[in-house]
Amino acid sequence: MANPRSDITIEKYQIPCHKSIPNTSPHGIPFIHYKSDFPRSTGPDMIEDVLRANSWKPSWRYTMYTDSHFHSTTHEALVVISGAAKILLGGDGNPDAVTVTVNTGDAMFVPVGVAHRLLKDIGGRGWGAGEGFTMVGAYPDGGEGWDMCYGRGGEEAVDERVRKVVGVEVGDPVLGGVLGGE
């Protein structure tokens, strides 16, 4: 189920590895920011239906953690259902890190290995999810469960786990179609 909007702006970012954070270096699959992907009149249940139709499993409604973290076992789709925020991509102290501002109705595709964290909750109201920044988080159907990595010591086999996900074809969570694989 593709999102039928024609006024979506798509921004893509390649973020090189930094210290023990792989980012997009092992696979070249970009972080994708879909601006104004969903109209404000679209409720969270409908957003979750679109994700499901595109072979993604909605798993939670929450904000984003304030610690830089990444997932080594799966890609992640995030759709903002309330508020706005500034998000850091690539890890703290990374000279090639990227900051994006996301708003209600925006979606993000976070590839396996890309560090992300909430820099600032800009607030506001969305679809009744409460005040502040809230998202729907989803993961590809049939993939492994998500893990939490921080790019610190003791996170063995991160590169191996990231490489395992890289060759798996994944659908675009909000537009439909295929995003990539090797």
C-alpha atoms as a PDB file:
ATOM      1  CA  MET A   1       0.000   0.000   0.000  1.00  0.00           C
ATOM      2  CA  ALA A   2       1.782   3.092  -1.191  1.00  0.00           C
ATOM      3  CA  ASN A   3       1.125   6.415   0.427  1.00  0.00           C
ATOM      4  CA  PRO A   4      -0.705   8.341  -2.349  1.00  0.00           C
ATOM      5  CA  ARG A   5       0.632  11.799  -1.483  1.00  0.00           C
ATOM      6  CA  SER A   6       2.527  13.548  -4.237  1.00  0.00           C
ATOM      7  CA  ASP A   7       3.884  16.415  -2.112  1.00  0.00           C
ATOM      8  CA  ILE A   8       6.288  14.341  -0.005  1.00  0.00           C
ATOM      9  CA  THR A   9       9.863  15.617   0.150  1.00  0.00           C
ATOM     10  CA  ILE A  10      12.432  12.860   0.594  1.00  0.00           C
ATOM     11  CA  GLU A  11      15.899  13.501   2.001  1.00  0.00           C
ATOM     12  CA  LYS A  12      18.546  10.772   2.129  1.00  0.00           C
ATOM     13  CA  TYR A  13      21.708  10.757   4.218  1.00  0.00           C
ATOM     14  CA  GLN A  14      24.825   8.600   4.111  1.00  0.00           C
ATOM     15  CA  ILE A  15      26.631   8.681   7.448  1.00  0.00           C
ATOM     16  CA  PRO A  16      30.111   7.139   7.703  1.00  0.00           C
ATOM     17  CA  CYS A  17      31.106   4.851  10.536  1.00  0.00           C
ATOM     18  CA  HIS A  18      32.340   6.522  13.694  1.00  0.00           C
ATOM     19  CA  LYS A  19      34.322   4.631  16.300  1.00  0.00           C
ATOM     20  CA  SER A  20      32.262   1.481  17.038  1.00  0.00           C
ATOM     21  CA  ILE A  21      29.097   2.725  15.311  1.00  0.00           C
ATOM     22  CA  PRO A  22      28.696   1.243  11.801  1.00  0.00           C
ATOM     23  CA  ASN A  23      26.180   3.813  10.476  1.00  0.00           C
ATOM     24  CA  THR A  24      25.714   3.415   6.696  1.00  0.00           C
ATOM     25  CA  SER A  25      29.320   2.412   5.891  1.00  0.00           C
ATOM     26  CA  PRO A  26      28.848  -1.396   5.810  1.00  0.00           C
ATOM     27  CA  HIS A  27      25.885  -1.290   3.443  1.00  0.00           C
ATOM     28  CA  GLY A  28      25.379   2.118   1.811  1.00  0.00           C
ATOM     29  CA  ILE A  29      21.635   2.070   2.541  1.00  0.00           C
ATOM     30  CA  PRO A  30      20.753   5.683   3.408  1.00  0.00           C
ATOM     31  CA  PHE A  31      18.786   7.073   6.307  1.00  0.00           C
ATOM     32  CA  ILE A  32      15.590   8.382   4.678  1.00  0.00           C
ATOM     33  CA  HIS A  33      13.503  11.291   5.981  1.00  0.00           C
ATOM     34  CA  TYR A  34      10.043  11.475   4.404  1.00  0.00           C
ATOM     35  CA  LYS A  35       8.812  15.001   5.127  1.00  0.00           C
ATOM     36  CA  SER A  36       5.040  15.499   5.414  1.00  0.00           C
ATOM     37  CA  ASP A  37       4.481  11.871   4.511  1.00  0.00           C
ATOM     38  CA  PHE A  38       1.127  11.624   6.303  1.00  0.00           C
ATOM     39  CA  PRO A  39      -1.469  14.402   6.485  1.00  0.00           C
ATOM     40  CA  ARG A  40      -2.180  15.600  10.021  1.00  0.00           C
ATOM     41  CA  SER A  41      -5.699  14.196   9.667  1.00  0.00           C
ATOM     42  CA  THR A  42      -4.293  10.634   9.448  1.00  0.00           C
ATOM     43  CA  GLY A  43      -4.605   8.881  12.793  1.00  0.00           C
ATOM     44  CA  PRO A  44      -1.989   6.541  14.293  1.00  0.00           C
ATOM     45  CA  ASP A  45      -4.138   3.461  13.593  1.00  0.00           C
ATOM     46  CA  MET A  46      -4.196   4.304   9.866  1.00  0.00           C
ATOM     47  CA  ILE A  47      -0.437   4.880   9.881  1.00  0.00           C
ATOM     48  CA  GLU A  48       0.036   1.465  11.460  1.00  0.00           C
ATOM     49  CA  ASP A  49      -2.235  -0.028   8.759  1.00  0.00           C
ATOM     50  CA  VAL A  50       0.005   1.483   6.042  1.00  0.00           C
ATOM     51  CA  LEU A  51       3.099   0.076   7.741  1.00  0.00           C
ATOM     52  CA  ARG A  52       1.499  -3.387   7.997  1.00  0.00           C
ATOM     53  CA  ALA A  53       0.425  -3.282   4.332  1.00  0.00           C
ATOM     54  CA  ASN A  54       4.071  -2.588   3.423  1.00  0.00           C
ATOM     55  CA  SER A  55       5.292  -5.619   5.428  1.00  0.00           C
ATOM     56  CA  TRP A  56       6.334  -3.742   8.566  1.00  0.00           C
ATOM     57  CA  LYS A  57       5.179  -4.639  12.070  1.00  0.00           C
ATOM     58  CA  PRO A  58       4.259  -1.661  14.305  1.00  0.00           C
ATOM     59  CA  SER A  59       5.660  -2.401  17.757  1.00  0.00           C
ATOM     60  CA  TRP A  60       5.334   0.676  19.945  1.00  0.00           C
ATOM     61  CA  ARG A  61       4.186   4.290  20.369  1.00  0.00           C
ATOM     62  CA  TYR A  62       6.683   6.323  22.346  1.00  0.00           C
ATOM     63  CA  THR A  63       9.313   9.035  22.088  1.00  0.00           C
ATOM     64  CA  MET A  64      12.987   8.486  21.144  1.00  0.00           C
ATOM     65  CA  TYR A  65      15.713   7.703  23.656  1.00  0.00           C
ATOM     66  CA  THR A  66      18.102  10.545  24.492  1.00  0.00           C
ATOM     67  CA  ASP A  67      21.155   8.254  24.360  1.00  0.00           C
ATOM     68  CA  SER A  68      22.708   7.539  20.971  1.00  0.00           C
ATOM     69  CA  HIS A  69      21.868   3.965  20.103  1.00  0.00           C
ATOM     70  CA  PHE A  70      21.536   1.736  17.067  1.00  0.00           C
ATOM     71  CA  HIS A  71      20.132  -1.642  16.157  1.00  0.00           C
ATOM     72  CA  SER A  72      22.455  -4.306  14.760  1.00  0.00           C
ATOM     73  CA  THR A  73      19.758  -6.873  13.955  1.00  0.00           C
ATOM     74  CA  THR A  74      17.109  -4.925  12.035  1.00  0.00           C
ATOM     75  CA  HIS A  75      16.126  -1.774  10.197  1.00  0.00           C
ATOM     76  CA  GLU A  76      13.610   0.545  11.873  1.00  0.00           C
ATOM     77  CA  ALA A  77      10.737   2.708  10.599  1.00  0.00           C
ATOM     78  CA  LEU A  78       9.581   5.676  12.672  1.00  0.00           C
ATOM     79  CA  VAL A  79       6.530   7.869  12.020  1.00  0.00           C
ATOM     80  CA  VAL A  80       5.936  11.015  14.078  1.00  0.00           C
ATOM     81  CA  ILE A  81       2.374  11.033  15.445  1.00  0.00           C
ATOM     82  CA  SER A  82       2.715  13.974  17.815  1.00  0.00           C
ATOM     83  CA  GLY A  83       4.934  17.010  18.196  1.00  0.00           C
ATOM     84  CA  ALA A  84       8.292  17.750  16.669  1.00  0.00           C
ATOM     85  CA  ALA A  85      11.921  17.089  17.543  1.00  0.00           C
ATOM     86  CA  LYS A  86      15.536  17.501  16.593  1.00  0.00           C
ATOM     87  CA  ILE A  87      17.269  14.147  16.097  1.00  0.00           C
ATOM     88  CA  LEU A  88      20.989  13.402  15.900  1.00  0.00           C
ATOM     89  CA  LEU A  89      22.089  10.717  13.434  1.00  0.00           C
ATOM     90  CA  GLY A  90      25.523   9.102  13.441  1.00  0.00           C
ATOM     91  CA  GLY A  91      26.540   9.225  17.085  1.00  0.00           C
ATOM     92  CA  ASP A  92      27.773  11.805  19.564  1.00  0.00           C
ATOM     93  CA  GLY A  93      31.111  13.361  18.677  1.00  0.00           C
ATOM     94  CA  ASN A  94      30.891  12.207  15.062  1.00  0.00           C
ATOM     95  CA  PRO A  95      32.133  15.052  12.822  1.00  0.00           C
ATOM     96  CA  ASP A  96      29.928  13.643  10.033  1.00  0.00           C
ATOM     97  CA  ALA A  97      26.782  13.392  12.173  1.00  0.00           C
ATOM     98  CA  VAL A  98      23.554  14.827  10.785  1.00  0.00           C
ATOM     99  CA  THR A  99      20.785  16.645  12.647  1.00  0.00           C
ATOM    100  CA  VAL A 100      17.252  16.510  11.263  1.00  0.00           C
ATOM    101  CA  THR A 101      14.085  18.198  12.475  1.00  0.00           C
ATOM    102  CA  VAL A 102      11.005  15.995  12.261  1.00  0.00           C
ATOM    103  CA  ASN A 103       7.374  17.025  12.612  1.00  0.00           C
ATOM    104  CA  THR A 104       3.977  15.378  12.974  1.00  0.00           C
ATOM    105  CA  GLY A 105       3.353  13.355   9.803  1.00  0.00           C
ATOM    106  CA  ASP A 106       7.023  12.812   8.956  1.00  0.00           C
ATOM    107  CA  ALA A 107       8.425   9.299   8.613  1.00  0.00           C
ATOM    108  CA  MET A 108      11.961   7.947   8.841  1.00  0.00           C
ATOM    109  CA  PHE A 109      13.701   4.809   7.639  1.00  0.00           C
ATOM    110  CA  VAL A 110      16.645   4.081   9.953  1.00  0.00           C
ATOM    111  CA  PRO A 111      18.919   1.440   8.408  1.00  0.00           C
ATOM    112  CA  VAL A 112      20.561  -1.207  10.537  1.00  0.00           C
ATOM    113  CA  GLY A 113      23.646   0.206  12.300  1.00  0.00           C
ATOM    114  CA  VAL A 114      22.708   3.912  12.156  1.00  0.00           C
ATOM    115  CA  ALA A 115      22.951   5.634  15.549  1.00  0.00           C
ATOM    116  CA  HIS A 116      20.088   7.950  16.446  1.00  0.00           C
ATOM    117  CA  ARG A 117      18.950   9.909  19.461  1.00  0.00           C
ATOM    118  CA  LEU A 118      16.593  12.646  20.547  1.00  0.00           C
ATOM    119  CA  LEU A 119      18.423  15.964  20.849  1.00  0.00           C
ATOM    120  CA  LYS A 120      15.417  18.121  21.684  1.00  0.00           C
ATOM    121  CA  ASP A 121      11.689  17.597  22.047  1.00  0.00           C
ATOM    122  CA  ILE A 122      10.168  20.657  20.411  1.00  0.00           C
ATOM    123  CA  GLY A 123       6.716  19.631  21.682  1.00  0.00           C
ATOM    124  CA  GLY A 124       3.304  20.350  20.302  1.00  0.00           C
ATOM    125  CA  ARG A 125       0.188  18.269  19.896  1.00  0.00           C
ATOM    126  CA  GLY A 126      -0.562  15.655  17.290  1.00  0.00           C
ATOM    127  CA  TRP A 127      -3.344  13.104  17.047  1.00  0.00           C
ATOM    128  CA  GLY A 128      -4.238  12.798  20.691  1.00  0.00           C
ATOM    129  CA  ALA A 129      -1.119  10.842  21.637  1.00  0.00           C
ATOM    130  CA  GLY A 130      -0.460  13.441  24.300  1.00  0.00           C
ATOM    131  CA  GLU A 131       1.766  16.446  24.422  1.00  0.00           C
ATOM    132  CA  GLY A 132       5.288  16.211  23.196  1.00  0.00           C
ATOM    133  CA  PHE A 133       7.126  14.150  20.654  1.00  0.00           C
ATOM    134  CA  THR A 134       5.679  10.677  20.024  1.00  0.00           C
ATOM    135  CA  MET A 135       6.278   8.166  17.237  1.00  0.00           C
ATOM    136  CA  VAL A 136       5.109   4.803  15.972  1.00  0.00           C
ATOM    137  CA  GLY A 137       8.072   2.411  15.739  1.00  0.00           C
ATOM    138  CA  ALA A 138       7.992  -0.550  13.334  1.00  0.00           C
ATOM    139  CA  TYR A 139      10.284  -3.336  12.116  1.00  0.00           C
ATOM    140  CA  PRO A 140      10.294  -5.473   8.947  1.00  0.00           C
ATOM    141  CA  ASP A 141       8.048  -8.537   9.021  1.00  0.00           C
ATOM    142  CA  GLY A 142       9.976 -11.754   9.435  1.00  0.00           C
ATOM    143  CA  GLY A 143      13.157 -10.064  10.636  1.00  0.00           C
ATOM    144  CA  GLU A 144      14.947 -10.538  13.916  1.00  0.00           C
ATOM    145  CA  GLY A 145      13.838  -8.639  16.978  1.00  0.00           C
ATOM    146  CA  TRP A 146      15.521  -5.334  17.657  1.00  0.00           C
ATOM    147  CA  ASP A 147      18.476  -5.005  19.975  1.00  0.00           C
ATOM    148  CA  MET A 148      20.067  -1.972  21.629  1.00  0.00           C
ATOM    149  CA  CYS A 149      23.689  -1.108  20.887  1.00  0.00           C
ATOM    150  CA  TYR A 150      25.557   1.998  21.993  1.00  0.00           C
ATOM    151  CA  GLY A 151      28.946   1.705  20.292  1.00  0.00           C
ATOM    152  CA  ARG A 152      30.625   0.853  23.587  1.00  0.00           C
ATOM    153  CA  GLY A 153      32.874  -1.964  24.692  1.00  0.00           C
ATOM    154  CA  GLY A 154      31.310  -5.356  25.237  1.00  0.00           C
ATOM    155  CA  GLU A 155      29.135  -5.273  22.117  1.00  0.00           C
ATOM    156  CA  GLU A 156      30.716  -8.228  20.354  1.00  0.00           C
ATOM    157  CA  ALA A 157      29.784  -9.309  16.841  1.00  0.00           C
ATOM    158  CA  VAL A 158      27.980  -6.031  15.981  1.00  0.00           C
ATOM    159  CA  ASP A 159      29.572  -5.840  12.523  1.00  0.00           C
ATOM    160  CA  GLU A 160      28.679  -9.478  11.833  1.00  0.00           C
ATOM    161  CA  ARG A 161      25.035  -8.922  12.840  1.00  0.00           C
ATOM    162  CA  VAL A 162      24.795  -5.767  10.690  1.00  0.00           C
ATOM    163  CA  ARG A 163      26.236  -7.595   7.667  1.00  0.00           C
ATOM    164  CA  LYS A 164      23.671 -10.381   8.147  1.00  0.00           C
ATOM    165  CA  VAL A 165      20.815  -7.864   7.700  1.00  0.00           C
ATOM    166  CA  VAL A 166      22.430  -5.987   4.803  1.00  0.00           C
ATOM    167  CA  GLY A 167      21.745  -8.581   2.107  1.00  0.00           C
ATOM    168  CA  VAL A 168      18.075  -8.971   3.007  1.00  0.00           C
ATOM    169  CA  GLU A 169      15.675  -7.132   0.718  1.00  0.00           C
ATOM    170  CA  VAL A 170      13.412  -4.760   2.639  1.00  0.00           C
ATOM    171  CA  GLY A 171      10.242  -2.968   1.614  1.00  0.00           C
ATOM    172  CA  ASP A 172       9.799   0.771   1.829  1.00  0.00           C
ATOM    173  CA  PRO A 173       7.754   1.177   5.025  1.00  0.00           C
ATOM    174  CA  VAL A 174       5.572   4.054   3.837  1.00  0.00           C
ATOM    175  CA  LEU A 175       5.751   4.288   0.028  1.00  0.00           C
ATOM    176  CA  GLY A 176       5.711   0.580  -0.810  1.00  0.00           C
ATOM    177  CA  GLY A 177       8.119  -1.094  -3.163  1.00  0.00           C
ATOM    178  CA  VAL A 178      11.615  -2.304  -2.373  1.00  0.00           C
ATOM    179  CA  LEU A 179      14.330  -0.253  -0.617  1.00  0.00           C
ATOM    180  CA  GLY A 180      17.298  -2.497  -1.111  1.00  0.00           C
ATOM    181  CA  GLY A 181      19.488  -5.408  -0.349  1.00  0.00           C
ATOM    182  CA  GLU A 182      22.709  -6.471  -1.998  1.00  0.00           C
END
